[in-house]
N, C-alpha and C. Protein backbone atom coordinates (compact mmCIF):
# COMPACT_ATOMS: atom_id res chain seq x y z
N SER A 1 -9.66 -109.16 -4.37
CA SER A 1 -8.34 -108.74 -3.12
C SER A 1 -8.11 -107.55 -3.30
N THR A 2 -8.49 -106.31 -4.45
CA THR A 2 -8.64 -104.92 -4.19
C THR A 2 -9.79 -104.42 -4.77
N TYR A 3 -9.96 -103.25 -4.68
CA TYR A 3 -11.45 -102.44 -4.80
C TYR A 3 -11.43 -102.24 -5.91
N SER A 4 -10.39 -101.83 -7.03
CA SER A 4 -10.87 -101.51 -8.52
C SER A 4 -10.18 -102.45 -9.16
N LYS A 5 -10.18 -102.75 -10.17
CA LYS A 5 -10.02 -103.86 -11.43
C LYS A 5 -10.67 -103.78 -12.18
N TYR A 6 -10.04 -103.92 -13.49
CA TYR A 6 -10.53 -104.24 -14.93
C TYR A 6 -10.00 -105.56 -15.14
N VAL A 7 -11.14 -106.32 -15.90
CA VAL A 7 -11.11 -107.29 -16.30
C VAL A 7 -11.86 -107.47 -17.99
N THR A 8 -10.83 -107.73 -19.11
CA THR A 8 -11.22 -107.72 -20.39
C THR A 8 -11.91 -108.95 -20.98
N LYS A 9 -12.68 -109.16 -21.79
CA LYS A 9 -13.20 -110.38 -22.05
C LYS A 9 -12.14 -111.17 -22.89
N ARG A 10 -12.19 -112.72 -22.76
CA ARG A 10 -11.24 -113.41 -23.35
C ARG A 10 -11.27 -113.23 -25.24
N VAL A 11 -9.88 -112.59 -25.60
CA VAL A 11 -10.01 -112.47 -27.00
C VAL A 11 -9.30 -113.32 -27.93
N ASN A 12 -10.01 -113.74 -29.01
CA ASN A 12 -9.31 -115.13 -29.62
C ASN A 12 -8.61 -114.70 -30.49
N PHE A 13 -8.02 -115.10 -30.90
CA PHE A 13 -7.11 -114.97 -32.13
C PHE A 13 -7.48 -116.13 -33.77
N ALA A 14 -7.43 -115.62 -34.84
CA ALA A 14 -7.24 -116.52 -35.82
C ALA A 14 -5.96 -117.12 -36.09
N ASN A 15 -4.92 -116.51 -35.56
CA ASN A 15 -3.60 -116.67 -36.03
C ASN A 15 -2.95 -116.69 -34.78
N ALA A 16 -1.66 -117.70 -34.26
CA ALA A 16 -1.22 -117.96 -32.85
C ALA A 16 0.04 -116.61 -33.15
N SER A 17 0.04 -115.75 -31.85
CA SER A 17 0.79 -114.79 -31.60
C SER A 17 2.24 -115.39 -30.57
N ASN A 18 3.08 -115.09 -30.23
CA ASN A 18 4.05 -115.18 -29.46
C ASN A 18 4.92 -113.29 -28.72
N PHE A 19 3.90 -112.22 -28.96
CA PHE A 19 4.44 -110.89 -28.31
C PHE A 19 3.22 -110.65 -28.29
N LEU A 20 3.14 -109.61 -26.73
CA LEU A 20 2.05 -109.01 -26.47
C LEU A 20 2.49 -107.80 -25.84
N ARG A 21 1.93 -106.93 -26.18
CA ARG A 21 1.69 -105.21 -25.73
C ARG A 21 0.83 -104.99 -25.48
N VAL A 22 0.52 -103.87 -24.23
CA VAL A 22 -0.27 -103.35 -23.66
C VAL A 22 0.20 -101.68 -23.82
N ARG A 23 -0.74 -101.06 -23.95
CA ARG A 23 -0.47 -99.33 -23.77
C ARG A 23 -1.49 -98.68 -23.44
N PHE A 24 -1.44 -98.04 -22.54
CA PHE A 24 -2.84 -96.94 -22.19
C PHE A 24 -2.35 -95.85 -21.47
N ALA A 25 -3.14 -94.37 -21.39
CA ALA A 25 -2.83 -93.35 -20.81
C ALA A 25 -3.30 -93.55 -19.11
N ALA A 26 -2.38 -92.82 -18.39
CA ALA A 26 -3.21 -92.96 -17.18
C ALA A 26 -2.47 -91.53 -16.47
N ASN A 27 -3.32 -91.71 -15.49
CA ASN A 27 -3.23 -90.71 -14.13
C ASN A 27 -3.31 -91.53 -13.18
N ILE A 28 -1.93 -91.35 -12.17
CA ILE A 28 -1.37 -92.19 -11.10
C ILE A 28 -0.86 -91.14 -10.09
N PRO A 29 -1.93 -90.92 -8.66
CA PRO A 29 -1.42 -89.97 -8.06
C PRO A 29 0.02 -90.50 -7.16
N ALA A 30 0.80 -90.03 -6.53
CA ALA A 30 1.54 -90.77 -6.29
C ALA A 30 1.43 -91.64 -5.23
N ASP A 31 0.57 -91.60 -4.37
CA ASP A 31 -0.03 -92.72 -3.30
C ASP A 31 -0.99 -93.76 -3.88
N ALA A 32 -0.67 -93.84 -5.06
CA ALA A 32 -1.52 -95.07 -5.92
C ALA A 32 -0.59 -95.85 -6.66
N ALA A 33 -1.13 -97.41 -7.14
CA ALA A 33 -0.31 -97.73 -8.26
C ALA A 33 -1.23 -98.86 -9.55
N VAL A 34 -0.62 -99.24 -9.95
CA VAL A 34 -1.25 -99.73 -11.50
C VAL A 34 -0.54 -101.01 -11.42
N GLU A 35 -1.11 -102.55 -11.78
CA GLU A 35 -0.49 -103.53 -12.31
C GLU A 35 -1.33 -103.97 -13.05
N VAL A 36 -0.34 -104.89 -14.11
CA VAL A 36 -0.98 -105.19 -15.41
C VAL A 36 -1.23 -107.13 -15.31
N TYR A 37 -1.80 -107.51 -15.15
CA TYR A 37 -1.67 -109.26 -15.33
C TYR A 37 -2.17 -109.49 -16.76
N PHE A 38 -1.86 -110.87 -17.32
CA PHE A 38 -2.21 -111.14 -18.27
C PHE A 38 -2.57 -112.85 -18.19
N LYS A 39 -3.23 -113.84 -18.98
CA LYS A 39 -3.06 -114.91 -19.01
C LYS A 39 -3.52 -115.42 -20.85
N THR A 40 -3.27 -116.36 -20.86
CA THR A 40 -3.20 -116.65 -22.49
C THR A 40 -3.51 -118.19 -22.39
N ALA A 41 -3.88 -118.86 -23.65
CA ALA A 41 -4.32 -119.92 -24.17
C ALA A 41 -3.13 -120.25 -24.66
N ILE A 42 -2.64 -121.50 -24.54
CA ILE A 42 -1.42 -121.90 -25.51
C ILE A 42 -1.40 -122.77 -26.63
N VAL A 43 -1.21 -122.43 -27.44
CA VAL A 43 -1.81 -123.60 -28.74
C VAL A 43 -1.17 -124.79 -28.23
N GLY A 44 -2.60 -125.40 -28.56
CA GLY A 44 -2.14 -127.56 -28.67
C GLY A 44 -1.93 -127.41 -27.18
N SER A 45 -2.15 -126.92 -26.20
CA SER A 45 -2.53 -127.22 -24.85
C SER A 45 -3.85 -127.37 -24.15
N ASN A 46 -4.04 -128.32 -23.80
CA ASN A 46 -5.36 -128.80 -23.31
C ASN A 46 -5.68 -128.38 -21.83
N SER A 47 -5.28 -127.32 -21.21
CA SER A 47 -5.86 -126.64 -19.97
C SER A 47 -6.84 -126.05 -20.27
N SER A 48 -7.50 -125.66 -19.64
CA SER A 48 -9.34 -125.06 -19.46
C SER A 48 -8.30 -123.59 -19.21
N PHE A 49 -8.86 -122.77 -19.74
CA PHE A 49 -8.55 -121.37 -20.08
C PHE A 49 -8.79 -120.65 -18.80
N GLU A 50 -10.05 -121.07 -17.94
CA GLU A 50 -10.42 -120.20 -16.62
C GLU A 50 -9.29 -120.89 -15.53
N THR A 51 -8.29 -121.75 -15.53
CA THR A 51 -7.71 -122.37 -14.62
C THR A 51 -6.11 -121.84 -14.78
N VAL A 52 -5.86 -121.43 -15.92
CA VAL A 52 -4.72 -120.46 -16.34
C VAL A 52 -4.62 -119.56 -15.14
N PRO A 53 -3.18 -119.35 -14.55
CA PRO A 53 -3.14 -118.25 -13.54
C PRO A 53 -2.77 -116.88 -14.31
N TYR A 54 -3.27 -115.87 -13.96
CA TYR A 54 -2.39 -114.68 -14.59
C TYR A 54 -0.95 -114.57 -14.22
N THR A 55 -0.25 -113.58 -15.18
CA THR A 55 0.86 -113.39 -15.11
C THR A 55 1.30 -111.60 -14.97
N LEU A 56 1.98 -111.18 -14.16
CA LEU A 56 2.31 -109.80 -13.69
C LEU A 56 3.01 -109.63 -15.29
N MET A 57 2.97 -108.19 -15.43
CA MET A 57 3.94 -107.95 -16.30
C MET A 57 4.40 -106.76 -15.65
N SER A 58 5.64 -106.58 -16.52
CA SER A 58 6.48 -104.98 -15.62
C SER A 58 6.34 -104.31 -16.80
N SER A 59 6.56 -102.92 -16.62
CA SER A 59 6.52 -101.80 -17.50
C SER A 59 7.51 -101.82 -18.16
N ASP A 60 7.81 -101.10 -19.82
CA ASP A 60 8.80 -100.92 -20.05
C ASP A 60 9.33 -99.98 -19.83
N ALA A 61 9.22 -98.77 -19.04
CA ALA A 61 9.95 -98.00 -18.71
C ALA A 61 9.57 -97.57 -17.33
N PRO A 62 10.06 -96.71 -16.55
CA PRO A 62 9.58 -96.16 -15.02
C PRO A 62 8.15 -95.44 -15.16
N ILE A 63 7.41 -95.79 -14.61
CA ILE A 63 6.14 -95.24 -14.38
C ILE A 63 6.06 -94.03 -13.84
N VAL A 64 5.68 -92.97 -14.33
CA VAL A 64 5.35 -91.52 -13.31
C VAL A 64 4.02 -91.27 -13.59
N ASN A 65 4.51 -91.05 -11.76
CA ASN A 65 3.46 -90.47 -10.75
C ASN A 65 2.73 -89.03 -11.43
N SER A 66 1.80 -88.87 -11.44
CA SER A 66 1.13 -87.42 -11.34
C SER A 66 1.48 -86.84 -10.01
N SER A 67 1.80 -85.56 -9.88
CA SER A 67 1.67 -85.01 -9.01
C SER A 67 0.69 -84.32 -8.56
N ASN A 68 0.56 -82.88 -9.05
CA ASN A 68 -0.58 -82.26 -8.75
C ASN A 68 -1.76 -82.04 -9.53
N SER A 69 -1.23 -82.04 -10.90
CA SER A 69 -2.29 -82.29 -12.34
C SER A 69 -3.44 -83.42 -12.47
N SER A 70 -4.25 -83.52 -11.84
CA SER A 70 -5.45 -84.37 -11.93
C SER A 70 -5.79 -84.62 -13.35
N GLU A 71 -5.29 -83.53 -14.24
CA GLU A 71 -6.01 -84.08 -15.82
C GLU A 71 -4.70 -84.65 -17.06
N GLN A 72 -3.36 -84.61 -16.06
CA GLN A 72 -2.03 -84.83 -16.82
C GLN A 72 -2.25 -86.51 -16.90
N PHE A 73 -2.26 -86.76 -17.99
CA PHE A 73 -2.13 -88.26 -18.44
C PHE A 73 -0.81 -88.82 -18.99
N TYR A 74 0.10 -89.84 -18.80
CA TYR A 74 1.11 -90.29 -19.18
C TYR A 74 0.90 -91.70 -19.69
N ASP A 75 1.38 -92.05 -21.14
CA ASP A 75 1.30 -92.87 -21.47
C ASP A 75 2.44 -94.39 -21.10
N ILE A 76 1.90 -95.36 -20.63
CA ILE A 76 2.35 -96.25 -20.11
C ILE A 76 2.26 -97.50 -21.29
N ALA A 77 3.38 -98.44 -20.80
CA ALA A 77 3.46 -99.21 -21.99
C ALA A 77 4.14 -100.46 -21.55
N TYR A 78 3.77 -101.72 -21.60
CA TYR A 78 4.07 -103.31 -20.95
C TYR A 78 4.23 -104.16 -22.47
N SER A 79 5.25 -104.85 -21.93
CA SER A 79 5.64 -105.54 -23.18
C SER A 79 6.27 -106.84 -22.69
N GLN A 80 5.92 -108.10 -23.09
CA GLN A 80 6.00 -109.82 -23.39
C GLN A 80 6.65 -110.10 -24.49
N ASP A 81 7.90 -110.63 -24.81
CA ASP A 81 7.96 -111.22 -25.90
C ASP A 81 8.35 -112.69 -25.69
N ASN A 82 9.17 -113.59 -26.49
CA ASN A 82 9.50 -114.53 -26.87
C ASN A 82 8.81 -115.62 -25.92
N MET A 83 7.41 -115.54 -26.11
CA MET A 83 6.01 -116.19 -25.09
C MET A 83 5.70 -117.50 -26.13
N GLU A 84 5.65 -118.77 -25.61
CA GLU A 84 5.07 -119.56 -26.16
C GLU A 84 3.92 -119.42 -27.25
N ALA A 85 3.65 -119.67 -28.43
CA ALA A 85 2.73 -119.49 -29.31
C ALA A 85 0.94 -119.67 -28.64
N PHE A 86 0.48 -118.42 -28.54
CA PHE A 86 -1.00 -118.42 -28.02
C PHE A 86 -2.13 -117.98 -28.95
N ASP A 87 -3.18 -118.44 -28.85
CA ASP A 87 -4.24 -117.69 -29.52
C ASP A 87 -5.32 -117.49 -29.19
N ALA A 88 -5.21 -116.69 -27.53
CA ALA A 88 -6.05 -116.26 -26.88
C ALA A 88 -5.51 -115.50 -25.66
N VAL A 89 -6.55 -114.16 -25.17
CA VAL A 89 -5.62 -113.55 -24.27
C VAL A 89 -6.62 -113.12 -23.28
N GLN A 90 -6.47 -112.69 -21.97
CA GLN A 90 -7.36 -111.91 -21.52
C GLN A 90 -5.98 -111.45 -20.71
N LEU A 91 -7.01 -109.92 -19.97
CA LEU A 91 -6.11 -108.92 -19.39
C LEU A 91 -6.58 -108.57 -17.98
N LYS A 92 -5.94 -108.21 -17.17
CA LYS A 92 -6.80 -107.88 -15.87
C LYS A 92 -5.79 -106.85 -15.19
N ILE A 93 -6.40 -105.49 -14.97
CA ILE A 93 -5.37 -104.59 -14.53
C ILE A 93 -6.19 -103.70 -13.49
N VAL A 94 -5.19 -103.55 -12.45
CA VAL A 94 -5.75 -103.69 -10.97
C VAL A 94 -5.20 -102.13 -10.33
N MET A 95 -5.94 -101.69 -10.17
CA MET A 95 -5.91 -100.14 -9.90
C MET A 95 -5.42 -100.15 -8.17
N LYS A 96 -4.59 -99.68 -7.37
CA LYS A 96 -4.65 -99.74 -5.95
C LYS A 96 -4.15 -97.97 -6.01
N SER A 97 -4.54 -97.72 -4.22
CA SER A 97 -4.11 -96.56 -4.20
C SER A 97 -4.49 -96.49 -2.18
N LYS A 98 -3.83 -95.39 -1.85
CA LYS A 98 -3.77 -95.59 -0.48
C LYS A 98 -4.76 -94.75 0.18
N ASN A 99 -5.03 -93.89 -0.57
CA ASN A 99 -6.17 -92.77 0.13
C ASN A 99 -7.28 -92.73 -1.40
N SER A 100 -8.33 -93.16 -0.79
CA SER A 100 -9.68 -93.39 -1.82
C SER A 100 -9.81 -91.98 -2.20
N SER A 101 -9.30 -90.80 -2.41
CA SER A 101 -9.94 -89.87 -3.20
C SER A 101 -8.94 -89.39 -4.13
N GLU A 102 -8.01 -90.16 -4.28
CA GLU A 102 -7.00 -90.15 -5.11
C GLU A 102 -6.47 -91.49 -5.61
N ILE A 103 -7.26 -91.39 -6.89
CA ILE A 103 -7.49 -92.90 -7.59
C ILE A 103 -6.41 -92.82 -8.85
N PRO A 104 -5.96 -93.88 -9.13
CA PRO A 104 -5.65 -94.34 -10.42
C PRO A 104 -6.45 -94.06 -11.46
N ARG A 105 -6.54 -93.09 -12.66
CA ARG A 105 -7.60 -93.45 -13.91
C ARG A 105 -6.67 -93.81 -14.98
N ILE A 106 -7.35 -94.57 -15.64
CA ILE A 106 -7.24 -95.31 -17.18
C ILE A 106 -7.72 -94.72 -18.34
N LYS A 107 -7.14 -94.20 -19.52
CA LYS A 107 -8.03 -94.75 -20.90
C LYS A 107 -7.07 -94.49 -22.12
N ASP A 108 -7.82 -95.19 -23.02
CA ASP A 108 -7.15 -95.42 -24.52
C ASP A 108 -6.40 -96.83 -23.94
N LEU A 109 -6.79 -97.84 -23.59
CA LEU A 109 -6.30 -99.22 -23.72
C LEU A 109 -5.79 -99.67 -24.92
N ARG A 110 -4.90 -100.06 -25.20
CA ARG A 110 -4.64 -101.00 -26.39
C ARG A 110 -3.69 -101.87 -26.32
N VAL A 111 -4.74 -103.15 -26.94
CA VAL A 111 -3.89 -104.56 -26.38
C VAL A 111 -3.06 -104.87 -28.32
N ILE A 112 -1.86 -105.39 -28.38
CA ILE A 112 -1.23 -105.68 -29.34
C ILE A 112 -0.84 -107.10 -29.02
N ALA A 113 -1.05 -108.07 -30.13
CA ALA A 113 -0.39 -109.37 -30.06
C ALA A 113 -0.40 -109.58 -31.56
N CYS A 114 1.28 -110.09 -32.01
CA CYS A 114 1.81 -110.42 -32.89
C CYS A 114 2.83 -111.88 -32.76
N ALA A 115 2.99 -111.82 -34.09
CA ALA A 115 3.71 -113.27 -34.38
C ALA A 115 4.78 -112.81 -34.64
């Protein structure tokens, strides 16, 4: 449904979590956007992980778009708390742009899950 997306592998945890934070540095031009989705395996659920739909996350603060500097990266954080206990997570980062020569760039991805 989009030209560029990054999908992580499923990450299983030894202990259940109910909080998820995603952080990365991004260079996002004015005509571009980044969306972060997640899906989790709820503890005790009989649903297949592959059939669980992705959920869109909201950023913790307004996202700064890069104006003229193609080397300027800004830290972006997404948090989801008070979730049902989960023991596996998978992320999908969708990068969109109206101009194919000015695309979003991401580095230093960190995913934190806490109880």
